[in-house]
Amino acid sequence: MRRRLRIPDLGGARAAILHRPHATVTALVRQLQAIGLEVDCHWPDLPASARAADYLFIDVDTAYDDQFPWEPGEAPLPTIALVGSEAPGRIEWLMNFGADAQILKPVGDGGVYSALLIARATFDARVELADEIDALKRRLGQRQTVVQAVAVLAARGKTENEAYE
C-alpha cells in the first residue's frame, strides 16, 4: 500500500546551517527566509540548540563527524547536504552521514523548497521504519518468553494448547 505524503507547512519552521561564512550561505538564507523559515548559521561548531531546529543544512565539503553530537545516520532532524565537491571521499562521508536530501552548490534560486519537502518525507520515513523495526524486535523477544513459558507449562502436564492459553 502506498503511503500518502503530506506537504508540511514551512512557515515559522527553523533551519540551522552548518557552513563557513560564504556566498552559498547568503543565497540559502535568502531562499529559506522567502519560504518563511527562521534561520541560524553556525561554523565551525554546531551548538546543542541546533537540535531544536526543524531542518539542518550541512556543508559536505568541509563537515566532519566530530561536529555532530550524534552518530552518522542518526540525525535527530531532517538534514540537507550542500554538495560542492564530488570527490569520492566527500561523497563517501555524505553517504555514511545519511543526509535526507541534497542541494548542489552553488545555491541558486531553485531547489531549496523541494529539498525541504524531500528531507522531511525521507526523515519521517526513516524514523517510522526505525520504530517499526524496534517494535518487531520487541515482539520477537517476547515470542521467546512465550515459547519458554509454554515449554515449562507443558513439562508440568498441560497440553500445548492449555499451556499457550
N, C-alpha and C. Protein backbone atom coordinates (compact mmCIF):
# COMPACT_ATOMS: atom_id res chain seq x y z
N MET A 1 0.85 -1.17 0.00
CA MET A 1 0.00 0.00 0.00
C MET A 1 0.89 1.24 0.00
N ARG A 2 0.60 2.14 -0.87
CA ARG A 2 1.37 3.38 -0.97
C ARG A 2 0.96 4.36 0.10
N ARG A 3 1.96 4.92 0.74
CA ARG A 3 1.72 5.91 1.78
C ARG A 3 1.51 7.27 1.16
N ARG A 4 0.50 7.97 1.59
CA ARG A 4 0.24 9.31 1.08
C ARG A 4 1.03 10.31 1.91
N LEU A 5 1.85 11.10 1.24
CA LEU A 5 2.68 12.07 1.93
C LEU A 5 1.95 13.40 2.07
N ARG A 6 2.21 14.05 3.17
CA ARG A 6 1.60 15.34 3.47
C ARG A 6 2.65 16.43 3.25
N ILE A 7 2.26 17.50 2.58
CA ILE A 7 3.16 18.64 2.39
C ILE A 7 3.12 19.48 3.67
N PRO A 8 4.26 19.60 4.36
CA PRO A 8 4.27 20.35 5.62
C PRO A 8 4.16 21.85 5.38
N ASP A 9 3.59 22.53 6.36
CA ASP A 9 3.56 23.99 6.35
C ASP A 9 4.91 24.46 6.87
N LEU A 10 5.68 25.15 6.07
CA LEU A 10 7.03 25.54 6.44
C LEU A 10 7.12 26.91 7.11
N GLY A 11 6.04 27.65 7.09
CA GLY A 11 6.05 28.97 7.71
C GLY A 11 6.34 28.88 9.20
N GLY A 12 7.36 29.58 9.66
CA GLY A 12 7.73 29.56 11.06
C GLY A 12 8.67 28.43 11.45
N ALA A 13 8.97 27.53 10.51
CA ALA A 13 9.92 26.46 10.81
C ALA A 13 11.31 27.07 11.00
N ARG A 14 12.18 26.33 11.69
CA ARG A 14 13.54 26.82 11.94
C ARG A 14 14.55 25.96 11.19
N ALA A 15 15.52 26.61 10.61
CA ALA A 15 16.61 25.92 9.92
C ALA A 15 17.93 26.34 10.56
N ALA A 16 18.79 25.37 10.74
CA ALA A 16 20.16 25.63 11.18
C ALA A 16 21.07 25.32 10.01
N ILE A 17 22.06 26.15 9.79
CA ILE A 17 23.02 25.94 8.71
C ILE A 17 24.40 25.80 9.32
N LEU A 18 25.07 24.70 9.01
CA LEU A 18 26.45 24.48 9.44
C LEU A 18 27.34 24.62 8.21
N HIS A 19 27.85 25.83 8.02
CA HIS A 19 28.65 26.16 6.83
C HIS A 19 29.46 27.40 7.15
N ARG A 20 30.68 27.44 6.70
CA ARG A 20 31.50 28.63 6.93
C ARG A 20 30.85 29.82 6.22
N PRO A 21 31.09 31.05 6.69
CA PRO A 21 30.52 32.22 6.01
C PRO A 21 30.93 32.21 4.54
N HIS A 22 29.93 32.35 3.66
CA HIS A 22 30.19 32.21 2.23
C HIS A 22 28.96 32.70 1.46
N ALA A 23 29.14 33.00 0.19
CA ALA A 23 28.01 33.42 -0.66
C ALA A 23 26.93 32.34 -0.74
N THR A 24 27.32 31.08 -0.62
CA THR A 24 26.35 29.98 -0.60
C THR A 24 25.38 30.15 0.56
N VAL A 25 25.90 30.51 1.72
CA VAL A 25 25.06 30.70 2.89
C VAL A 25 24.12 31.88 2.69
N THR A 26 24.63 32.96 2.13
CA THR A 26 23.80 34.14 1.87
C THR A 26 22.63 33.78 0.96
N ALA A 27 22.92 33.05 -0.12
CA ALA A 27 21.86 32.65 -1.06
C ALA A 27 20.86 31.70 -0.39
N LEU A 28 21.36 30.78 0.40
CA LEU A 28 20.50 29.82 1.08
C LEU A 28 19.61 30.51 2.10
N VAL A 29 20.17 31.40 2.89
CA VAL A 29 19.39 32.14 3.89
C VAL A 29 18.28 32.93 3.18
N ARG A 30 18.61 33.59 2.09
CA ARG A 30 17.61 34.36 1.33
C ARG A 30 16.45 33.46 0.90
N GLN A 31 16.77 32.28 0.37
CA GLN A 31 15.73 31.35 -0.09
C GLN A 31 14.88 30.85 1.08
N LEU A 32 15.54 30.48 2.16
CA LEU A 32 14.81 29.95 3.31
C LEU A 32 13.89 31.01 3.91
N GLN A 33 14.37 32.23 4.02
CA GLN A 33 13.52 33.31 4.56
C GLN A 33 12.36 33.61 3.63
N ALA A 34 12.57 33.52 2.32
CA ALA A 34 11.48 33.74 1.37
C ALA A 34 10.39 32.68 1.52
N ILE A 35 10.80 31.47 1.88
CA ILE A 35 9.84 30.38 2.10
C ILE A 35 9.12 30.55 3.43
N GLY A 36 9.73 31.28 4.38
CA GLY A 36 9.10 31.53 5.67
C GLY A 36 9.81 30.91 6.85
N LEU A 37 11.04 30.43 6.67
CA LEU A 37 11.78 29.82 7.75
C LEU A 37 12.62 30.84 8.51
N GLU A 38 12.82 30.58 9.79
CA GLU A 38 13.78 31.33 10.59
C GLU A 38 15.11 30.60 10.46
N VAL A 39 16.21 31.33 10.36
CA VAL A 39 17.49 30.71 10.06
C VAL A 39 18.57 31.12 11.07
N ASP A 40 19.35 30.13 11.52
CA ASP A 40 20.52 30.35 12.35
C ASP A 40 21.72 29.74 11.65
N CYS A 41 22.81 30.48 11.56
CA CYS A 41 24.03 30.00 10.89
C CYS A 41 25.11 29.72 11.93
N HIS A 42 25.84 28.64 11.72
CA HIS A 42 26.87 28.23 12.66
C HIS A 42 28.11 27.76 11.90
N TRP A 43 29.28 28.01 12.50
CA TRP A 43 30.55 27.46 12.00
C TRP A 43 31.64 27.82 12.98
N PRO A 44 32.50 26.96 13.34
CA PRO A 44 32.60 25.55 12.95
C PRO A 44 31.85 24.61 13.87
N ASP A 45 31.30 25.15 14.98
CA ASP A 45 30.62 24.28 15.95
C ASP A 45 29.12 24.33 15.77
N LEU A 46 28.49 23.20 15.96
CA LEU A 46 27.04 23.11 15.94
C LEU A 46 26.57 23.09 17.40
N PRO A 47 25.94 24.16 17.86
CA PRO A 47 25.53 24.20 19.27
C PRO A 47 24.39 23.21 19.54
N ALA A 48 24.25 22.85 20.80
CA ALA A 48 23.18 21.92 21.19
C ALA A 48 21.81 22.46 20.82
N SER A 49 21.67 23.78 20.80
CA SER A 49 20.38 24.40 20.46
C SER A 49 19.94 24.07 19.04
N ALA A 50 20.88 23.71 18.17
CA ALA A 50 20.54 23.39 16.78
C ALA A 50 19.66 22.14 16.68
N ARG A 51 19.70 21.29 17.70
CA ARG A 51 18.85 20.09 17.71
C ARG A 51 17.37 20.45 17.71
N ALA A 52 17.05 21.66 18.18
CA ALA A 52 15.65 22.10 18.24
C ALA A 52 15.16 22.63 16.90
N ALA A 53 16.06 22.76 15.93
CA ALA A 53 15.65 23.25 14.60
C ALA A 53 14.81 22.19 13.91
N ASP A 54 14.09 22.61 12.89
CA ASP A 54 13.27 21.68 12.11
C ASP A 54 14.07 21.07 10.97
N TYR A 55 15.13 21.75 10.54
CA TYR A 55 15.97 21.29 9.43
C TYR A 55 17.41 21.69 9.71
N LEU A 56 18.34 20.87 9.22
CA LEU A 56 19.75 21.19 9.32
C LEU A 56 20.38 21.09 7.94
N PHE A 57 21.05 22.15 7.54
CA PHE A 57 21.82 22.16 6.29
C PHE A 57 23.29 22.03 6.66
N ILE A 58 24.01 21.16 5.96
CA ILE A 58 25.43 20.97 6.26
C ILE A 58 26.26 21.09 4.99
N ASP A 59 27.44 21.65 5.15
CA ASP A 59 28.40 21.77 4.06
C ASP A 59 29.20 20.48 3.98
N VAL A 60 28.90 19.65 3.01
CA VAL A 60 29.56 18.36 2.86
C VAL A 60 31.05 18.53 2.55
N ASP A 61 31.42 19.63 1.93
CA ASP A 61 32.82 19.83 1.53
C ASP A 61 33.76 19.98 2.72
N THR A 62 33.23 20.47 3.86
CA THR A 62 34.11 20.74 5.00
C THR A 62 33.64 20.11 6.30
N ALA A 63 32.46 19.52 6.33
CA ALA A 63 31.92 18.94 7.56
C ALA A 63 32.71 17.69 7.96
N TYR A 64 32.70 17.40 9.26
CA TYR A 64 33.36 16.20 9.75
C TYR A 64 32.56 15.67 10.95
N ASP A 65 32.71 14.39 11.24
CA ASP A 65 31.88 13.70 12.22
C ASP A 65 31.85 14.37 13.59
N ASP A 66 32.97 14.89 14.06
CA ASP A 66 33.03 15.46 15.41
C ASP A 66 32.20 16.73 15.58
N GLN A 67 31.68 17.28 14.49
CA GLN A 67 30.84 18.47 14.60
C GLN A 67 29.42 18.13 15.06
N PHE A 68 29.08 16.84 15.06
CA PHE A 68 27.70 16.44 15.33
C PHE A 68 27.62 15.63 16.62
N PRO A 69 26.67 15.96 17.49
CA PRO A 69 26.52 15.23 18.76
C PRO A 69 25.68 13.96 18.61
N TRP A 70 25.76 13.31 17.46
CA TRP A 70 25.08 12.05 17.22
C TRP A 70 25.94 11.22 16.27
N GLU A 71 25.61 9.95 16.19
CA GLU A 71 26.35 9.03 15.32
C GLU A 71 25.89 9.22 13.87
N PRO A 72 26.77 8.94 12.91
CA PRO A 72 26.35 9.02 11.49
C PRO A 72 25.09 8.19 11.25
N GLY A 73 24.17 8.77 10.50
CA GLY A 73 22.92 8.10 10.17
C GLY A 73 21.85 8.22 11.24
N GLU A 74 22.13 8.93 12.32
CA GLU A 74 21.18 9.04 13.42
C GLU A 74 20.80 10.48 13.75
N ALA A 75 20.82 11.34 12.76
CA ALA A 75 20.47 12.74 12.98
C ALA A 75 19.05 12.83 13.53
N PRO A 76 18.83 13.66 14.56
CA PRO A 76 17.51 13.78 15.17
C PRO A 76 16.58 14.77 14.44
N LEU A 77 17.00 15.23 13.27
CA LEU A 77 16.19 16.16 12.49
C LEU A 77 16.54 15.97 11.01
N PRO A 78 15.65 16.37 10.12
CA PRO A 78 15.94 16.23 8.69
C PRO A 78 17.19 17.03 8.32
N THR A 79 18.10 16.40 7.59
CA THR A 79 19.33 17.06 7.18
C THR A 79 19.41 17.17 5.67
N ILE A 80 19.95 18.29 5.22
CA ILE A 80 20.09 18.56 3.80
C ILE A 80 21.56 18.87 3.55
N ALA A 81 22.16 18.08 2.67
CA ALA A 81 23.57 18.23 2.35
C ALA A 81 23.76 19.27 1.26
N LEU A 82 24.71 20.17 1.48
CA LEU A 82 25.11 21.13 0.45
C LEU A 82 26.38 20.58 -0.17
N VAL A 83 26.27 20.13 -1.41
CA VAL A 83 27.35 19.41 -2.08
C VAL A 83 28.00 20.29 -3.14
N GLY A 84 29.29 20.51 -2.98
CA GLY A 84 30.04 21.26 -3.98
C GLY A 84 31.07 20.39 -4.66
N SER A 85 31.75 19.58 -3.88
CA SER A 85 32.80 18.72 -4.40
C SER A 85 32.28 17.30 -4.58
N GLU A 86 32.60 16.72 -5.70
CA GLU A 86 32.22 15.33 -5.93
C GLU A 86 33.42 14.41 -5.73
N ALA A 87 34.33 14.83 -4.86
CA ALA A 87 35.47 13.98 -4.53
C ALA A 87 34.95 12.70 -3.87
N PRO A 88 35.50 11.56 -4.25
CA PRO A 88 34.99 10.29 -3.70
C PRO A 88 34.97 10.26 -2.17
N GLY A 89 35.97 10.82 -1.51
CA GLY A 89 35.99 10.82 -0.05
C GLY A 89 34.85 11.61 0.55
N ARG A 90 34.52 12.74 -0.07
CA ARG A 90 33.42 13.57 0.44
C ARG A 90 32.07 12.90 0.19
N ILE A 91 31.92 12.27 -0.96
CA ILE A 91 30.67 11.56 -1.26
C ILE A 91 30.51 10.37 -0.31
N GLU A 92 31.61 9.67 -0.03
CA GLU A 92 31.56 8.56 0.92
C GLU A 92 31.16 9.07 2.31
N TRP A 93 31.73 10.20 2.73
CA TRP A 93 31.37 10.77 4.02
C TRP A 93 29.87 11.09 4.05
N LEU A 94 29.37 11.70 2.97
CA LEU A 94 27.95 12.04 2.88
C LEU A 94 27.07 10.79 2.98
N MET A 95 27.44 9.75 2.28
CA MET A 95 26.64 8.52 2.31
C MET A 95 26.65 7.91 3.71
N ASN A 96 27.77 7.96 4.41
CA ASN A 96 27.83 7.44 5.78
C ASN A 96 27.07 8.33 6.75
N PHE A 97 27.09 9.63 6.50
CA PHE A 97 26.38 10.57 7.37
C PHE A 97 24.87 10.35 7.28
N GLY A 98 24.39 10.09 6.07
CA GLY A 98 22.97 9.79 5.89
C GLY A 98 22.06 10.99 5.79
N ALA A 99 22.44 11.99 5.00
CA ALA A 99 21.56 13.15 4.81
C ALA A 99 20.26 12.72 4.14
N ASP A 100 19.21 13.47 4.41
CA ASP A 100 17.89 13.14 3.88
C ASP A 100 17.61 13.73 2.51
N ALA A 101 18.37 14.75 2.12
CA ALA A 101 18.23 15.38 0.81
C ALA A 101 19.54 16.12 0.52
N GLN A 102 19.66 16.61 -0.71
CA GLN A 102 20.87 17.37 -1.04
C GLN A 102 20.55 18.48 -2.02
N ILE A 103 21.42 19.48 -2.00
CA ILE A 103 21.37 20.59 -2.95
C ILE A 103 22.80 20.75 -3.46
N LEU A 104 22.91 20.88 -4.77
CA LEU A 104 24.23 21.11 -5.34
C LEU A 104 24.58 22.59 -5.23
N LYS A 105 25.85 22.85 -4.89
CA LYS A 105 26.33 24.23 -4.82
C LYS A 105 26.87 24.61 -6.20
N PRO A 106 26.80 25.85 -6.56
CA PRO A 106 26.30 26.98 -5.77
C PRO A 106 24.78 26.97 -5.69
N VAL A 107 24.27 27.45 -4.56
CA VAL A 107 22.83 27.52 -4.35
C VAL A 107 22.30 28.69 -5.18
N GLY A 108 21.28 28.40 -5.97
CA GLY A 108 20.67 29.43 -6.80
C GLY A 108 19.27 29.75 -6.32
N ASP A 109 18.41 30.06 -7.27
CA ASP A 109 17.04 30.44 -6.94
C ASP A 109 16.10 29.25 -6.80
N GLY A 110 16.56 28.04 -7.07
CA GLY A 110 15.68 26.89 -7.01
C GLY A 110 16.29 25.74 -6.24
N GLY A 111 15.45 24.80 -5.89
CA GLY A 111 15.90 23.58 -5.25
C GLY A 111 15.74 23.54 -3.75
N VAL A 112 15.64 24.68 -3.10
CA VAL A 112 15.60 24.70 -1.64
C VAL A 112 14.25 24.16 -1.14
N TYR A 113 13.16 24.63 -1.72
CA TYR A 113 11.84 24.19 -1.27
C TYR A 113 11.67 22.69 -1.45
N SER A 114 12.03 22.18 -2.62
CA SER A 114 11.87 20.73 -2.84
C SER A 114 12.80 19.94 -1.93
N ALA A 115 13.99 20.45 -1.65
CA ALA A 115 14.90 19.76 -0.74
C ALA A 115 14.30 19.69 0.67
N LEU A 116 13.65 20.75 1.11
CA LEU A 116 13.00 20.75 2.42
C LEU A 116 11.90 19.68 2.47
N LEU A 117 11.08 19.62 1.44
CA LEU A 117 9.99 18.64 1.42
C LEU A 117 10.52 17.21 1.36
N ILE A 118 11.53 16.99 0.52
CA ILE A 118 12.12 15.65 0.38
C ILE A 118 12.80 15.24 1.69
N ALA A 119 13.53 16.15 2.31
CA ALA A 119 14.20 15.85 3.57
C ALA A 119 13.19 15.47 4.65
N ARG A 120 12.10 16.23 4.74
CA ARG A 120 11.08 15.92 5.75
C ARG A 120 10.48 14.54 5.51
N ALA A 121 10.11 14.25 4.27
CA ALA A 121 9.49 12.95 3.96
C ALA A 121 10.47 11.80 4.20
N THR A 122 11.72 11.98 3.80
CA THR A 122 12.73 10.93 3.99
C THR A 122 13.00 10.71 5.47
N PHE A 123 13.15 11.80 6.22
CA PHE A 123 13.39 11.70 7.66
C PHE A 123 12.22 11.00 8.35
N ASP A 124 10.99 11.42 8.05
CA ASP A 124 9.81 10.81 8.68
C ASP A 124 9.73 9.33 8.36
N ALA A 125 10.03 8.94 7.12
CA ALA A 125 10.01 7.53 6.73
C ALA A 125 11.09 6.76 7.48
N ARG A 126 12.27 7.36 7.64
CA ARG A 126 13.37 6.70 8.35
C ARG A 126 13.00 6.48 9.82
N VAL A 127 12.41 7.48 10.46
CA VAL A 127 12.00 7.36 11.86
C VAL A 127 10.91 6.30 12.00
N GLU A 128 9.95 6.32 11.09
CA GLU A 128 8.86 5.34 11.13
C GLU A 128 9.39 3.92 10.95
N LEU A 129 10.32 3.75 10.04
CA LEU A 129 10.91 2.44 9.81
C LEU A 129 11.70 1.97 11.03
N ALA A 130 12.47 2.87 11.63
CA ALA A 130 13.24 2.52 12.84
C ALA A 130 12.30 2.12 13.97
N ASP A 131 11.19 2.83 14.14
CA ASP A 131 10.21 2.49 15.17
C ASP A 131 9.60 1.12 14.90
N GLU A 132 9.29 0.86 13.64
CA GLU A 132 8.72 -0.44 13.28
C GLU A 132 9.71 -1.57 13.54
N ILE A 133 10.97 -1.36 13.22
CA ILE A 133 12.00 -2.37 13.48
C ILE A 133 12.13 -2.62 14.98
N ASP A 134 12.14 -1.55 15.77
CA ASP A 134 12.21 -1.71 17.23
C ASP A 134 11.02 -2.50 17.76
N ALA A 135 9.82 -2.20 17.27
CA ALA A 135 8.63 -2.93 17.71
C ALA A 135 8.71 -4.40 17.34
N LEU A 136 9.19 -4.68 16.14
CA LEU A 136 9.33 -6.08 15.71
C LEU A 136 10.38 -6.81 16.55
N LYS A 137 11.45 -6.14 16.89
CA LYS A 137 12.48 -6.76 17.75
C LYS A 137 11.90 -7.07 19.13
N ARG A 138 11.10 -6.13 19.67
CA ARG A 138 10.47 -6.37 20.97
C ARG A 138 9.53 -7.57 20.89
N ARG A 139 8.73 -7.62 19.83
CA ARG A 139 7.81 -8.75 19.66
C ARG A 139 8.56 -10.05 19.53
N LEU A 140 9.65 -10.03 18.79
CA LEU A 140 10.45 -11.24 18.62
C LEU A 140 11.01 -11.70 19.96
N GLY A 141 11.47 -10.77 20.77
CA GLY A 141 11.96 -11.11 22.10
C GLY A 141 10.86 -11.67 22.99
N GLN A 142 9.66 -11.16 22.86
CA GLN A 142 8.54 -11.66 23.65
C GLN A 142 8.14 -13.06 23.22
N ARG A 143 8.30 -13.38 21.96
CA ARG A 143 7.97 -14.73 21.48
C ARG A 143 8.82 -15.77 22.19
N GLN A 144 10.08 -15.45 22.39
CA GLN A 144 10.96 -16.38 23.10
C GLN A 144 10.44 -16.63 24.51
N THR A 145 9.95 -15.60 25.17
CA THR A 145 9.39 -15.74 26.51
C THR A 145 8.16 -16.63 26.49
N VAL A 146 7.30 -16.45 25.49
CA VAL A 146 6.09 -17.27 25.37
C VAL A 146 6.47 -18.73 25.12
N VAL A 147 7.43 -18.97 24.25
CA VAL A 147 7.87 -20.34 23.95
C VAL A 147 8.40 -21.00 25.22
N GLN A 148 9.19 -20.27 25.99
CA GLN A 148 9.74 -20.83 27.23
C GLN A 148 8.62 -21.13 28.24
N ALA A 149 7.65 -20.23 28.33
CA ALA A 149 6.53 -20.44 29.26
C ALA A 149 5.71 -21.66 28.85
N VAL A 150 5.45 -21.80 27.56
CA VAL A 150 4.69 -22.95 27.06
C VAL A 150 5.44 -24.24 27.38
N ALA A 151 6.74 -24.23 27.17
CA ALA A 151 7.55 -25.43 27.44
C ALA A 151 7.51 -25.80 28.93
N VAL A 152 7.61 -24.80 29.81
CA VAL A 152 7.56 -25.06 31.26
C VAL A 152 6.21 -25.64 31.64
N LEU A 153 5.14 -25.01 31.14
CA LEU A 153 3.79 -25.48 31.48
C LEU A 153 3.51 -26.86 30.89
N ALA A 154 4.00 -27.12 29.69
CA ALA A 154 3.82 -28.44 29.07
C ALA A 154 4.57 -29.49 29.88
N ALA A 155 5.73 -29.14 30.40
CA ALA A 155 6.51 -30.08 31.23
C ALA A 155 5.78 -30.39 32.53
N ARG A 156 4.89 -29.51 32.96
CA ARG A 156 4.11 -29.72 34.19
C ARG A 156 2.78 -30.40 33.91
N GLY A 157 2.60 -30.93 32.70
CA GLY A 157 1.42 -31.72 32.40
C GLY A 157 0.34 -31.04 31.59
N LYS A 158 0.49 -29.79 31.25
CA LYS A 158 -0.52 -29.10 30.44
C LYS A 158 -0.36 -29.53 28.98
N THR A 159 -1.48 -29.52 28.24
CA THR A 159 -1.37 -29.75 26.79
C THR A 159 -0.77 -28.49 26.19
N GLU A 160 -0.31 -28.60 24.96
CA GLU A 160 0.29 -27.44 24.30
C GLU A 160 -0.70 -26.28 24.21
N ASN A 161 -1.96 -26.57 23.86
CA ASN A 161 -2.99 -25.52 23.76
C ASN A 161 -3.28 -24.91 25.13
N GLU A 162 -3.36 -25.73 26.17
CA GLU A 162 -3.61 -25.22 27.51
C GLU A 162 -2.45 -24.33 27.96
N ALA A 163 -1.24 -24.77 27.69
CA ALA A 163 -0.06 -24.00 28.07
C ALA A 163 -0.02 -22.67 27.33
N TYR A 164 -0.38 -22.68 26.07
CA TYR A 164 -0.36 -21.45 25.28
C TYR A 164 -1.41 -20.46 25.81
N GLU A 165 -2.56 -20.98 26.14
CA GLU A 165 -3.63 -20.11 26.67
C GLU A 165 -3.17 -19.50 27.98
